[in-house]
Every structure is written in C-alpha cells, then in structure tokens.
C-alpha cells in the first residue's frame, strides 16, 4: 500500500493493510483522507481503539449517527465530529454509511489551533456542522495525491493547511460557505465591510451610500444574490462571531454582546435565539461540555 508508514503514523502503528482494503487512502505528512468505498474500515470496527492523530469524521447521511441535542444541521451543511488523540472510542457506522474520515497530525493540529485559542480542548466525539463546500477541498486533495504530479508535495501541503484551518474554524462555530461569497462587486463589497466592521453601528443607508445605490435597489440586489437582506446578513454575521467568543471562558456574555454590535443583552439573546434556536448561555454550556 502506498505511503503505508504515513498511514500508520496517522491511524495507528498496529493498523494492518487488510483492515484498510476497502478504504481509499490519500495522505501527506500533515493529514490523511480516508474514504470507505467497498465496505467498512476494519480498524474502525475495533472496540475502544485510539489514534495518534486528531480524527474528524464528516457524515453524509444525517441518520447515520444520533445527533446531539440542539445541533441543527442546516441546508448545504454536514454533521461532523472530532476526537482527540489517544481518546478511546468505538465507531458504530452502518454498513451503508457514507462518510469521509480525516486524520490530522496531532502536533500540526495543535500548532494551528493555538492560532485561534490558547485553550486546547480534549475532544471526545465533539459534534459540529461544516459547510458542504469542504468537499471541494478534500476532493482536490485526493485528486492531487492520486495524480502524483510534479511538486505535488508542495500543493498537498498547502491544501492540508487550508483543510485544517477550515475544520478548526468550523469546530469553533465559524463556518466558511463559499457560495455566500458573491461575484457581484457591490454585494461582495457590502459582505466584506460587514465582516470587518460587524461590531460597529452599521445602517442600511450607510451600506447603500458606500456602493452608490439606493436602499431599495441595494436590498433587492443583495437578497437576490445571498437570500438575505443586508440587515439579516449583519445579524447572522454578528451571531457567528459571538459563537467564537462564547467559547472563551474569560469573556462575559455582556462584553460579547457589546463587541458584536448588539445594543443590549436582551437584543443579543433575541437575535441569537432567532438564528440558532437557543440562547447564548445555552450555547456556551453545550460548547464547554463538548
């Protein structure tokens, strides 16, 4: 099997080639992508097995495993789960289950994670949602590995970095949805401004003036492109940013509300519940527990 030493360093030193005979394997020294094609992974059938790497599983069938309470899988998103190295677990995948398994080198994952948070969490089947656009990056990684083109080690390393950061951001609640990035200059300019100034006082009039459109024209164009009005996009952006801050124990909810541009705790809670279905304090409790 090609690059079996790298596979063993990610999956486990005692994995056998026979256990992976039904699995397509695409690896480099940072990450490995494992896709069951003709049957189940034999190593995954082991009771209470462990991996030396971080294991991230993306499920394509929502009924393949039980959802955790209050985890909503939005349209164009998949359910995913992450488990830390050396955490015993048993994988109960159905015979016809469809999933991608990504193994990320532990040192590399922790090095990248520290760019976002100094609090390194031990994950035990921690579930989160990830945009389906991740498949484009994963399939590109698999294609590049399969072709073995000149300098593929360079491009695979770059793709591994993108995939790892995409996963970390998703774990922390900041999903990257490539479809939401508009090719229309005016819409894209507004999206960029909101992303950079979400904590400030932003009005529809100010946004319209910025792109030299009337408010009605801007609203109509923006909603046609994104499915949301600029105000709805602003609220969703603020809520998305607040999710990241809620994962930091040293930040009070009132401070988070102010930093994200909400004028009061009650306004923050109302908007947060409308977008996520739960309150900020409930979200923090779930995040801290898992």
Protein backbone atom coordinates (compact mmCIF):
# COMPACT_ATOMS: atom_id res chain seq x y z
CA UNK A 1 0.00 0.00 0.00
CA UNK A 2 1.35 3.42 -0.99
CA UNK A 3 2.76 5.54 1.87
CA UNK A 4 1.78 2.95 4.46
CA UNK A 5 4.26 4.34 7.01
CA UNK A 6 2.48 7.72 6.87
CA UNK A 7 -0.88 5.96 7.15
CA UNK A 8 0.31 4.12 10.27
CA UNK A 9 1.55 7.37 11.83
CA UNK A 10 -1.96 8.82 11.47
CA UNK A 11 -4.24 5.81 12.03
CA UNK A 12 -2.13 3.77 14.45
CA UNK A 13 1.06 1.72 14.35
CA UNK A 14 -0.86 -1.54 14.66
CA UNK A 15 -3.22 -0.98 11.73
CA UNK A 16 -2.92 -3.60 9.01
CA UNK A 17 -3.22 -3.29 5.26
CA UNK A 18 -6.00 -5.87 5.33
CA UNK A 19 -8.06 -3.64 7.66
CA UNK A 20 -7.86 -0.86 5.07
CA UNK A 21 -8.56 -2.98 1.99
CA UNK A 22 -11.97 -1.33 1.48
CA UNK A 23 -10.69 2.19 2.19
CA UNK A 24 -9.29 4.71 -0.27
CA UNK A 25 -6.31 6.46 1.36
CA UNK A 26 -4.87 9.87 0.42
CA UNK A 27 -2.13 11.14 2.73
CA UNK A 28 0.74 13.52 3.31
CA UNK A 29 2.74 14.23 6.47
CA UNK A 30 0.07 16.63 7.81
CA UNK A 31 -3.25 14.97 7.11
CA UNK A 32 -4.81 11.85 5.67
CA UNK A 33 -8.17 11.46 3.94
CA UNK A 34 -9.78 8.02 4.28
CA UNK A 35 -12.90 7.14 2.30
CA UNK A 36 -14.62 3.73 2.74
CA UNK A 37 -15.61 2.69 -0.77
CA UNK A 38 -16.35 -1.05 -0.97
CA UNK A 39 -17.04 -1.73 2.72
CA UNK A 40 -16.25 -0.75 6.27
CA UNK A 41 -12.84 0.11 7.65
CA UNK A 42 -11.59 -2.88 9.63
CA UNK A 43 -9.67 -0.72 12.09
CA UNK A 44 -12.82 1.31 12.84
CA UNK A 45 -14.54 -1.91 13.94
CA UNK A 46 -12.13 -2.35 16.84
CA UNK A 47 -13.69 -1.72 20.24
CA UNK A 48 -12.23 1.24 22.15
CA UNK A 49 -9.47 1.86 19.64
CA UNK A 50 -7.35 5.02 19.59
CA UNK A 51 -5.47 7.10 17.04
CA UNK A 52 -2.26 9.12 17.45
CA UNK A 53 -3.85 11.92 15.41
CA UNK A 54 -6.98 14.06 15.56
CA UNK A 55 -9.84 12.23 13.84
CA UNK A 56 -12.51 14.27 12.07
CA UNK A 57 -15.44 12.42 10.50
CA UNK A 58 -17.88 14.06 8.09
CA UNK A 59 -21.18 12.22 7.72
CA UNK A 60 -23.30 12.49 4.59
CA UNK A 61 -26.36 10.69 5.95
CA UNK A 62 -27.99 12.51 8.87
CA UNK A 63 -29.48 9.24 10.13
CA UNK A 64 -26.10 7.51 10.23
CA UNK A 65 -25.49 8.52 13.85
CA UNK A 66 -27.50 10.15 16.61
CA UNK A 67 -27.47 13.94 16.73
CA UNK A 68 -26.53 15.69 19.94
CA UNK A 69 -29.31 17.87 21.40
CA UNK A 70 -29.58 21.37 19.92
CA UNK A 71 -27.28 20.64 16.97
CA UNK A 72 -29.08 21.73 13.84
CA UNK A 73 -27.68 20.60 10.51
CA UNK A 74 -28.50 23.44 8.14
CA UNK A 75 -29.09 23.10 4.44
CA UNK A 76 -25.84 22.61 2.47
CA UNK A 77 -24.05 21.55 5.65
CA UNK A 78 -22.98 18.20 7.07
CA UNK A 79 -22.71 16.81 10.56
CA UNK A 80 -19.11 16.23 11.64
CA UNK A 81 -17.35 15.00 14.78
CA UNK A 82 -13.82 15.36 16.15
CA UNK A 83 -11.94 13.11 18.57
CA UNK A 84 -8.55 13.90 20.11
CA UNK A 85 -5.52 11.59 20.01
CA UNK A 86 -5.43 8.66 22.44
CA UNK A 87 -9.14 9.02 23.33
CA UNK A 88 -10.66 5.50 23.26
CA UNK A 89 -13.76 5.26 21.08
CA UNK A 90 -15.87 2.74 19.21
CA UNK A 91 -17.19 3.63 15.77
CA UNK A 92 -20.68 2.32 15.07
CA UNK A 93 -21.05 3.07 11.37
CA UNK A 94 -23.83 1.28 9.46
CA UNK A 95 -22.78 -0.95 6.55
CA UNK A 96 -24.17 1.54 4.04
CA UNK A 97 -22.94 4.60 5.93
CA UNK A 98 -21.27 7.25 3.80
CA UNK A 99 -18.58 9.38 5.37
CA UNK A 100 -15.13 10.92 4.96
CA UNK A 101 -12.58 10.45 7.74
CA UNK A 102 -9.75 12.99 8.06
CA UNK A 103 -6.77 12.28 10.30
CA UNK A 104 -4.66 15.31 11.21
CA UNK A 105 -1.19 15.01 12.73
CA UNK A 106 -1.51 15.93 16.42
CA UNK A 107 1.43 18.36 16.61
CA UNK A 108 0.34 20.10 13.43
CA UNK A 109 -3.32 20.38 14.50
CA UNK A 110 -2.42 21.82 17.91
CA UNK A 111 0.01 24.27 16.36
CA UNK A 112 -2.74 25.58 14.06
CA UNK A 113 -5.43 25.50 16.78
CA UNK A 114 -3.31 27.75 19.03
CA UNK A 115 -3.64 30.46 16.40
CA UNK A 116 -7.31 30.65 17.37
CA UNK A 117 -7.38 29.74 21.06
CA UNK A 118 -4.88 29.20 23.86
CA UNK A 119 -7.31 26.73 25.45
CA UNK A 120 -6.52 23.35 23.84
CA UNK A 121 -9.61 21.19 24.29
CA UNK A 122 -9.70 17.41 24.53
CA UNK A 123 -12.40 16.37 22.08
CA UNK A 124 -14.41 13.22 22.64
CA UNK A 125 -16.72 12.81 19.65
CA UNK A 126 -17.43 16.55 19.75
CA UNK A 127 -20.02 17.19 17.05
CA UNK A 128 -20.26 20.31 14.90
CA UNK A 129 -21.53 21.33 11.47
CA UNK A 130 -19.39 22.01 8.44
CA UNK A 131 -20.30 23.52 5.09
CA UNK A 132 -20.55 21.06 2.22
CA UNK A 133 -18.02 23.21 0.33
CA UNK A 134 -15.31 21.37 2.32
CA UNK A 135 -15.78 18.50 -0.14
CA UNK A 136 -14.25 20.62 -2.91
CA UNK A 137 -11.05 21.00 -0.90
CA UNK A 138 -11.00 17.34 0.17
CA UNK A 139 -11.63 16.03 -3.33
CA UNK A 140 -8.93 18.35 -4.71
CA UNK A 141 -6.53 16.91 -2.12
CA UNK A 142 -7.45 13.35 -3.18
CA UNK A 143 -7.09 14.18 -6.88
CA UNK A 144 -3.71 15.83 -6.39
CA UNK A 145 -2.44 12.83 -4.39
CA UNK A 146 -3.71 10.36 -6.99
CA UNK A 147 -2.15 12.16 -9.94
CA UNK A 148 1.29 12.47 -8.29
CA UNK A 149 2.19 15.47 -10.42
CA UNK A 150 5.47 17.36 -10.15
CA UNK A 151 5.69 19.39 -6.91
CA UNK A 152 2.56 17.70 -5.57
CA UNK A 153 4.19 17.64 -2.13
CA UNK A 154 4.05 21.45 -2.15
CA UNK A 155 0.43 21.69 -3.28
CA UNK A 156 -0.71 18.88 -0.96
CA UNK A 157 0.89 20.69 1.98
CA UNK A 158 -0.90 23.92 1.05
CA UNK A 159 -4.23 22.13 0.69
CA UNK A 160 -3.69 20.34 4.01
CA UNK A 161 -3.27 23.73 5.69
CA UNK A 162 -6.48 25.08 4.14
CA UNK A 163 -8.44 21.96 5.15
CA UNK A 164 -7.09 22.04 8.71
CA UNK A 165 -8.00 25.69 9.23
CA UNK A 166 -11.42 25.13 7.66
CA UNK A 167 -12.06 22.32 10.15
CA UNK A 168 -10.80 24.31 13.16
CA UNK A 169 -12.96 27.30 12.25
CA UNK A 170 -15.98 25.02 11.88
CA UNK A 171 -15.30 23.40 15.27
CA UNK A 172 -15.24 26.90 16.78
CA UNK A 173 -18.52 27.80 15.07
CA UNK A 174 -17.26 29.92 12.18
CA UNK A 175 -18.38 28.14 9.02
CA UNK A 176 -16.93 29.03 5.64
CA UNK A 177 -19.54 28.90 2.89
CA UNK A 178 -18.00 29.64 -0.49
CA UNK A 179 -21.42 30.03 -2.10
CA UNK A 180 -22.06 33.04 0.13
CA UNK A 181 -19.19 34.97 -1.47
CA UNK A 182 -20.79 36.96 -4.26
CA UNK A 183 -19.18 37.68 -7.62
CA UNK A 184 -21.19 40.94 -7.77
CA UNK A 185 -18.89 43.79 -6.76
CA UNK A 186 -21.50 45.77 -4.80
CA UNK A 187 -22.73 42.74 -2.87
CA UNK A 188 -19.21 41.49 -2.25
CA UNK A 189 -18.13 44.94 -1.03
CA UNK A 190 -21.00 45.02 1.47
CA UNK A 191 -20.21 41.50 2.69
CA UNK A 192 -16.56 42.42 3.16
CA UNK A 193 -17.45 45.62 5.04
CA UNK A 194 -19.85 43.78 7.37
CA UNK A 195 -17.25 41.08 8.10
CA UNK A 196 -14.69 43.74 9.03
CA UNK A 197 -16.97 46.16 10.93
CA UNK A 198 -19.65 43.88 12.43
CA UNK A 199 -19.18 45.38 15.91
CA UNK A 200 -19.85 48.94 14.75
CA UNK A 201 -23.10 50.82 14.19
CA UNK A 202 -23.96 49.84 10.62
CA UNK A 203 -27.04 51.21 8.90
CA UNK A 204 -28.66 50.19 5.63
CA UNK A 205 -28.30 53.79 4.44
CA UNK A 206 -24.56 53.74 5.07
CA UNK A 207 -24.15 50.49 3.13
CA UNK A 208 -26.18 51.79 0.18
CA UNK A 209 -24.17 55.01 0.09
CA UNK A 210 -20.94 53.04 0.13
CA UNK A 211 -21.81 51.21 -3.13
CA UNK A 212 -23.62 54.18 -4.75
CA UNK A 213 -27.06 52.52 -4.81
CA UNK A 214 -30.45 53.45 -3.41
CA UNK A 215 -31.51 51.48 -0.32
CA UNK A 216 -34.29 49.69 -2.20
CA UNK A 217 -32.00 48.71 -5.10
CA UNK A 218 -29.29 47.55 -2.74
CA UNK A 219 -31.74 45.49 -0.66
CA UNK A 220 -33.19 43.86 -3.75
CA UNK A 221 -29.78 43.08 -5.28
CA UNK A 222 -28.30 41.79 -2.03
CA UNK A 223 -31.23 39.50 -1.29
CA UNK A 224 -31.23 38.14 -4.84
CA UNK A 225 -27.56 37.23 -4.50
CA UNK A 226 -27.47 35.92 -0.91
CA UNK A 227 -31.06 35.10 0.05
CA UNK A 228 -30.80 37.60 2.92
CA UNK A 229 -31.27 41.33 3.31
CA UNK A 230 -28.14 43.26 4.34
CA UNK A 231 -29.60 43.62 7.85
CA UNK A 232 -30.26 39.87 8.12
CA UNK A 233 -26.73 39.19 6.87
CA UNK A 234 -25.35 41.57 9.50
CA UNK A 235 -27.25 39.81 12.30
CA UNK A 236 -26.11 36.36 11.14
CA UNK A 237 -22.52 37.61 10.94
CA UNK A 238 -22.69 39.06 14.45
CA UNK A 239 -24.16 35.85 15.83
CA UNK A 240 -21.47 33.81 14.04
CA UNK A 241 -18.72 35.96 15.57
CA UNK A 242 -20.33 35.74 19.00
CA UNK A 243 -20.24 31.92 18.86
CA UNK A 244 -16.46 32.04 18.70
CA UNK A 245 -16.27 34.41 21.66
CA UNK A 246 -18.70 32.26 23.68
CA UNK A 247 -16.10 29.50 23.54
CA UNK A 248 -13.74 31.66 25.61
CA UNK A 249 -14.43 31.25 29.31
CA UNK A 250 -12.84 34.57 30.27
CA UNK A 251 -15.36 36.65 28.27
CA UNK A 252 -18.64 37.76 29.86
CA UNK A 253 -21.76 37.50 27.74
CA UNK A 254 -22.42 41.23 28.17
CA UNK A 255 -18.97 42.04 26.79
CA UNK A 256 -19.57 39.69 23.86
CA UNK A 257 -22.88 41.38 23.08
CA UNK A 258 -21.23 44.80 23.00
CA UNK A 259 -18.24 43.66 20.94
CA UNK A 260 -20.55 42.09 18.37
CA UNK A 261 -22.61 45.25 17.93
CA UNK A 262 -25.72 44.39 19.95
CA UNK A 263 -27.08 47.28 21.99
CA UNK A 264 -28.20 45.16 24.96
CA UNK A 265 -28.13 41.65 26.42
CA UNK A 266 -31.81 41.19 25.61
CA UNK A 267 -31.26 42.21 21.97
CA UNK A 268 -28.29 39.83 21.74
CA UNK A 269 -30.28 36.95 23.24
CA UNK A 270 -33.27 37.61 20.99
CA UNK A 271 -31.18 37.66 17.80
CA UNK A 272 -29.07 34.68 18.88
CA UNK A 273 -32.13 32.54 19.60
CA UNK A 274 -33.74 33.54 16.31
CA UNK A 275 -30.66 32.39 14.37
CA UNK A 276 -29.63 29.30 16.40
CA UNK A 277 -32.74 28.26 18.31
CA UNK A 278 -31.02 28.52 21.70
CA UNK A 279 -29.77 31.30 23.99
CA UNK A 280 -26.11 32.40 24.22
CA UNK A 281 -25.79 30.90 27.71
CA UNK A 282 -27.23 27.57 26.50
CA UNK A 283 -24.82 27.58 23.55
CA UNK A 284 -21.87 28.26 25.89
CA UNK A 285 -22.93 25.41 28.19
CA UNK A 286 -23.13 22.93 25.30
CA UNK A 287 -19.82 24.11 23.85
CA UNK A 288 -17.98 23.87 27.15
CA UNK A 289 -19.37 20.41 27.86
CA UNK A 290 -18.32 19.04 24.50
